[in-house]
Amino acid sequence: TVLLTLVPYVGAIAPGLPKEVAST
């Protein structure tokens, strides 16, 4: 539950991730 709930919010959890990747 913790893992899958955080999937759409990966951009907020990993700020260094490119915005295009997080959006995809």
PDB file of all heavy atoms in Angstrom:
ATOM      1  N   THR A   1       0.833  -1.211   0.000  1.00  0.00           N
ATOM      2  CA  THR A   1       0.000   0.000   0.000  1.00  0.00           C
ATOM      3  C   THR A   1       0.860   1.251   0.000  1.00  0.00           C
ATOM      4  O   THR A   1       0.598   2.198  -0.760  1.00  0.00           O
ATOM      5  CB  THR A   1      -0.931  -0.003   1.224  1.00  0.00           C
ATOM      6  OG1 THR A   1      -1.760  -1.163   1.184  1.00  0.00           O
ATOM      7  CG2 THR A   1      -1.803   1.242   1.233  1.00  0.00           C
ATOM      8  N   VAL A   2       1.865   1.262   0.839  1.00  0.00           N
ATOM      9  CA  VAL A   2       2.773   2.417   0.884  1.00  0.00           C
ATOM     10  C   VAL A   2       3.443   2.602  -0.475  1.00  0.00           C
ATOM     11  O   VAL A   2       3.499   3.717  -1.015  1.00  0.00           O
ATOM     12  CB  VAL A   2       3.830   2.232   1.991  1.00  0.00           C
ATOM     13  CG1 VAL A   2       4.852   3.362   1.937  1.00  0.00           C
ATOM     14  CG2 VAL A   2       3.164   2.177   3.357  1.00  0.00           C
ATOM     15  N   LEU A   3       3.921   1.518  -1.055  1.00  0.00           N
ATOM     16  CA  LEU A   3       4.652   1.581  -2.322  1.00  0.00           C
ATOM     17  C   LEU A   3       3.768   2.088  -3.461  1.00  0.00           C
ATOM     18  O   LEU A   3       4.128   3.040  -4.170  1.00  0.00           O
ATOM     19  CB  LEU A   3       5.205   0.204  -2.667  1.00  0.00           C
ATOM     20  CG  LEU A   3       5.942   0.068  -4.005  1.00  0.00           C
ATOM     21  CD1 LEU A   3       7.182   0.945  -4.011  1.00  0.00           C
ATOM     22  CD2 LEU A   3       6.302  -1.385  -4.272  1.00  0.00           C
ATOM     23  N   LEU A   4       2.593   1.492  -3.644  1.00  0.00           N
ATOM     24  CA  LEU A   4       1.754   1.840  -4.787  1.00  0.00           C
ATOM     25  C   LEU A   4       1.059   3.195  -4.614  1.00  0.00           C
ATOM     26  O   LEU A   4       0.793   3.880  -5.604  1.00  0.00           O
ATOM     27  CB  LEU A   4       0.705   0.753  -5.027  1.00  0.00           C
ATOM     28  CG  LEU A   4       1.244  -0.597  -5.495  1.00  0.00           C
ATOM     29  CD1 LEU A   4       0.107  -1.552  -5.825  1.00  0.00           C
ATOM     30  CD2 LEU A   4       2.155  -0.435  -6.710  1.00  0.00           C
ATOM     31  N   THR A   5       0.763   3.584  -3.384  1.00  0.00           N
ATOM     32  CA  THR A   5       0.153   4.896  -3.174  1.00  0.00           C
ATOM     33  C   THR A   5       1.108   6.011  -3.556  1.00  0.00           C
ATOM     34  O   THR A   5       0.681   7.079  -4.035  1.00  0.00           O
ATOM     35  CB  THR A   5      -0.289   5.071  -1.708  1.00  0.00           C
ATOM     36  OG1 THR A   5      -1.166   4.005  -1.342  1.00  0.00           O
ATOM     37  CG2 THR A   5      -1.018   6.398  -1.508  1.00  0.00           C
ATOM     38  N   LEU A   6       2.395   5.789  -3.358  1.00  0.00           N
ATOM     39  CA  LEU A   6       3.384   6.827  -3.631  1.00  0.00           C
ATOM     40  C   LEU A   6       3.754   6.927  -5.107  1.00  0.00           C
ATOM     41  O   LEU A   6       4.443   7.875  -5.490  1.00  0.00           O
ATOM     42  CB  LEU A   6       4.657   6.557  -2.807  1.00  0.00           C
ATOM     43  CG  LEU A   6       4.499   6.655  -1.284  1.00  0.00           C
ATOM     44  CD1 LEU A   6       5.813   6.310  -0.603  1.00  0.00           C
ATOM     45  CD2 LEU A   6       4.030   8.039  -0.859  1.00  0.00           C
ATOM     46  N   VAL A   7       3.309   5.970  -5.941  1.00  0.00           N
ATOM     47  CA  VAL A   7       3.683   5.986  -7.366  1.00  0.00           C
ATOM     48  C   VAL A   7       3.314   7.298  -8.057  1.00  0.00           C
ATOM     49  O   VAL A   7       4.157   7.907  -8.726  1.00  0.00           O
ATOM     50  CB  VAL A   7       3.063   4.784  -8.103  1.00  0.00           C
ATOM     51  CG1 VAL A   7       3.170   4.956  -9.619  1.00  0.00           C
ATOM     52  CG2 VAL A   7       3.763   3.493  -7.688  1.00  0.00           C
ATOM     53  N   PRO A   8       2.067   7.813  -7.941  1.00  0.00           N
ATOM     54  CA  PRO A   8       1.746   9.066  -8.648  1.00  0.00           C
ATOM     55  C   PRO A   8       2.492  10.282  -8.100  1.00  0.00           C
ATOM     56  O   PRO A   8       2.565  11.309  -8.774  1.00  0.00           O
ATOM     57  CB  PRO A   8       0.234   9.219  -8.432  1.00  0.00           C
ATOM     58  CG  PRO A   8      -0.245   7.876  -8.015  1.00  0.00           C
ATOM     59  CD  PRO A   8       0.898   7.250  -7.284  1.00  0.00           C
ATOM     60  N   TYR A   9       3.026  10.160  -6.876  1.00  0.00           N
ATOM     61  CA  TYR A   9       3.692  11.300  -6.242  1.00  0.00           C
ATOM     62  C   TYR A   9       5.211  11.159  -6.258  1.00  0.00           C
ATOM     63  O   TYR A   9       5.903  11.746  -5.438  1.00  0.00           O
ATOM     64  CB  TYR A   9       3.213  11.437  -4.785  1.00  0.00           C
ATOM     65  CG  TYR A   9       1.716  11.505  -4.648  1.00  0.00           C
ATOM     66  CD1 TYR A   9       0.990  10.402  -4.190  1.00  0.00           C
ATOM     67  CD2 TYR A   9       1.017  12.655  -4.978  1.00  0.00           C
ATOM     68  CE1 TYR A   9      -0.385  10.449  -4.063  1.00  0.00           C
ATOM     69  CE2 TYR A   9      -0.369  12.712  -4.844  1.00  0.00           C
ATOM     70  CZ  TYR A   9      -1.056  11.609  -4.393  1.00  0.00           C
ATOM     71  OH  TYR A   9      -2.420  11.671  -4.283  1.00  0.00           O
ATOM     72  N   VAL A  10       5.715  10.369  -7.198  1.00  0.00           N
ATOM     73  CA  VAL A  10       7.153  10.109  -7.236  1.00  0.00           C
ATOM     74  C   VAL A  10       7.944  11.396  -7.448  1.00  0.00           C
ATOM     75  O   VAL A  10       9.078  11.527  -6.984  1.00  0.00           O
ATOM     76  CB  VAL A  10       7.465   9.067  -8.332  1.00  0.00           C
ATOM     77  CG1 VAL A  10       7.157   9.620  -9.717  1.00  0.00           C
ATOM     78  CG2 VAL A  10       8.905   8.609  -8.259  1.00  0.00           C
ATOM     79  N   GLY A  11       7.346  12.376  -8.137  1.00  0.00           N
ATOM     80  CA  GLY A  11       8.036  13.647  -8.355  1.00  0.00           C
ATOM     81  C   GLY A  11       8.280  14.397  -7.064  1.00  0.00           C
ATOM     82  O   GLY A  11       9.327  15.040  -6.895  1.00  0.00           O
ATOM     83  N   ALA A  12       7.337  14.323  -6.121  1.00  0.00           N
ATOM     84  CA  ALA A  12       7.503  15.004  -4.837  1.00  0.00           C
ATOM     85  C   ALA A  12       8.455  14.246  -3.923  1.00  0.00           C
ATOM     86  O   ALA A  12       9.185  14.850  -3.126  1.00  0.00           O
ATOM     87  CB  ALA A  12       6.147  15.162  -4.148  1.00  0.00           C
ATOM     88  N   ILE A  13       8.468  12.920  -4.041  1.00  0.00           N
ATOM     89  CA  ILE A  13       9.334  12.117  -3.186  1.00  0.00           C
ATOM     90  C   ILE A  13      10.780  12.172  -3.654  1.00  0.00           C
ATOM     91  O   ILE A  13      11.708  12.186  -2.841  1.00  0.00           O
ATOM     92  CB  ILE A  13       8.838  10.656  -3.179  1.00  0.00           C
ATOM     93  CG1 ILE A  13       7.404  10.603  -2.684  1.00  0.00           C
ATOM     94  CG2 ILE A  13       9.735   9.774  -2.331  1.00  0.00           C
ATOM     95  CD1 ILE A  13       6.759   9.262  -2.875  1.00  0.00           C
ATOM     96  N   ALA A  14      10.967  12.203  -4.981  1.00  0.00           N
ATOM     97  CA  ALA A  14      12.309  12.248  -5.565  1.00  0.00           C
ATOM     98  C   ALA A  14      12.451  13.534  -6.372  1.00  0.00           C
ATOM     99  O   ALA A  14      12.224  13.525  -7.591  1.00  0.00           O
ATOM    100  CB  ALA A  14      12.558  11.027  -6.437  1.00  0.00           C
ATOM    101  N   PRO A  15      12.786  14.657  -5.728  1.00  0.00           N
ATOM    102  CA  PRO A  15      12.863  15.943  -6.432  1.00  0.00           C
ATOM    103  C   PRO A  15      13.882  15.946  -7.566  1.00  0.00           C
ATOM    104  O   PRO A  15      13.755  16.724  -8.512  1.00  0.00           O
ATOM    105  CB  PRO A  15      13.264  16.932  -5.325  1.00  0.00           C
ATOM    106  CG  PRO A  15      12.903  16.251  -4.045  1.00  0.00           C
ATOM    107  CD  PRO A  15      13.079  14.794  -4.293  1.00  0.00           C
ATOM    108  N   GLY A  16      14.893  15.099  -7.486  1.00  0.00           N
ATOM    109  CA  GLY A  16      15.910  15.074  -8.521  1.00  0.00           C
ATOM    110  C   GLY A  16      15.475  14.378  -9.797  1.00  0.00           C
ATOM    111  O   GLY A  16      16.175  14.443 -10.814  1.00  0.00           O
ATOM    112  N   LEU A  17      14.321  13.724  -9.762  1.00  0.00           N
ATOM    113  CA  LEU A  17      13.831  13.022 -10.939  1.00  0.00           C
ATOM    114  C   LEU A  17      13.351  14.033 -11.984  1.00  0.00           C
ATOM    115  O   LEU A  17      12.665  14.999 -11.642  1.00  0.00           O
ATOM    116  CB  LEU A  17      12.682  12.098 -10.547  1.00  0.00           C
ATOM    117  CG  LEU A  17      12.250  11.036 -11.561  1.00  0.00           C
ATOM    118  CD1 LEU A  17      13.338   9.983 -11.717  1.00  0.00           C
ATOM    119  CD2 LEU A  17      10.951  10.368 -11.088  1.00  0.00           C
ATOM    120  N   PRO A  18      13.729  13.855 -13.268  1.00  0.00           N
ATOM    121  CA  PRO A  18      13.261  14.786 -14.311  1.00  0.00           C
ATOM    122  C   PRO A  18      11.737  14.897 -14.322  1.00  0.00           C
ATOM    123  O   PRO A  18      11.037  13.900 -14.126  1.00  0.00           O
ATOM    124  CB  PRO A  18      13.786  14.154 -15.605  1.00  0.00           C
ATOM    125  CG  PRO A  18      14.957  13.339 -15.174  1.00  0.00           C
ATOM    126  CD  PRO A  18      14.627  12.830 -13.807  1.00  0.00           C
ATOM    127  N   LYS A  19      11.246  16.112 -14.556  1.00  0.00           N
ATOM    128  CA  LYS A  19       9.807  16.346 -14.522  1.00  0.00           C
ATOM    129  C   LYS A  19       9.067  15.512 -15.566  1.00  0.00           C
ATOM    130  O   LYS A  19       7.949  15.058 -15.337  1.00  0.00           O
ATOM    131  CB  LYS A  19       9.522  17.827 -14.738  1.00  0.00           C
ATOM    132  CG  LYS A  19       9.981  18.719 -13.590  1.00  0.00           C
ATOM    133  CD  LYS A  19       9.593  20.166 -13.829  1.00  0.00           C
ATOM    134  CE  LYS A  19      10.027  21.056 -12.665  1.00  0.00           C
ATOM    135  NZ  LYS A  19       9.638  22.489 -12.884  1.00  0.00           N
ATOM    136  N   GLU A  20       9.708  15.307 -16.730  1.00  0.00           N
ATOM    137  CA  GLU A  20       9.067  14.530 -17.778  1.00  0.00           C
ATOM    138  C   GLU A  20       8.849  13.085 -17.325  1.00  0.00           C
ATOM    139  O   GLU A  20       7.795  12.486 -17.576  1.00  0.00           O
ATOM    140  CB  GLU A  20       9.909  14.543 -19.052  1.00  0.00           C
ATOM    141  CG  GLU A  20      10.048  15.907 -19.718  1.00  0.00           C
ATOM    142  CD  GLU A  20      11.073  16.791 -19.012  1.00  0.00           C
ATOM    143  OE1 GLU A  20      11.751  16.274 -18.083  1.00  0.00           O
ATOM    144  OE2 GLU A  20      11.175  17.975 -19.359  1.00  0.00           O
ATOM    145  N   VAL A  21       9.845  12.531 -16.633  1.00  0.00           N
ATOM    146  CA  VAL A  21       9.735  11.152 -16.151  1.00  0.00           C
ATOM    147  C   VAL A  21       8.655  11.049 -15.074  1.00  0.00           C
ATOM    148  O   VAL A  21       7.818  10.131 -15.090  1.00  0.00           O
ATOM    149  CB  VAL A  21      11.093  10.664 -15.607  1.00  0.00           C
ATOM    150  CG1 VAL A  21      10.956   9.254 -15.011  1.00  0.00           C
ATOM    151  CG2 VAL A  21      12.148  10.678 -16.698  1.00  0.00           C
ATOM    152  N   ALA A  22       8.677  12.004 -14.134  1.00  0.00           N
ATOM    153  CA  ALA A  22       7.687  11.994 -13.055  1.00  0.00           C
ATOM    154  C   ALA A  22       6.275  12.137 -13.609  1.00  0.00           C
ATOM    155  O   ALA A  22       5.337  11.459 -13.168  1.00  0.00           O
ATOM    156  CB  ALA A  22       7.980  13.121 -12.067  1.00  0.00           C
ATOM    157  N   SER A  23       6.106  13.010 -14.607  1.00  0.00           N
ATOM    158  CA  SER A  23       4.799  13.208 -15.220  1.00  0.00           C
ATOM    159  C   SER A  23       4.325  11.960 -15.956  1.00  0.00           C
ATOM    160  O   SER A  23       3.147  11.587 -15.890  1.00  0.00           O
ATOM    161  CB  SER A  23       4.848  14.395 -16.186  1.00  0.00           C
ATOM    162  OG  SER A  23       3.623  14.592 -16.829  1.00  0.00           O
ATOM    163  N   THR A  24       5.249  11.292 -16.628  1.00  0.00           N
ATOM    164  CA  THR A  24       4.901  10.063 -17.351  1.00  0.00           C
ATOM    165  C   THR A  24       4.464   8.971 -16.389  1.00  0.00           C
ATOM    166  O   THR A  24       3.473   8.268 -16.632  1.00  0.00           O
ATOM    167  CB  THR A  24       6.104   9.577 -18.178  1.00  0.00           C
ATOM    168  OG1 THR A  24       6.488  10.594 -19.100  1.00  0.00           O
ATOM    169  CG2 THR A  24       5.760   8.299 -18.924  1.00  0.00           C
TER     170      THR A  24
END
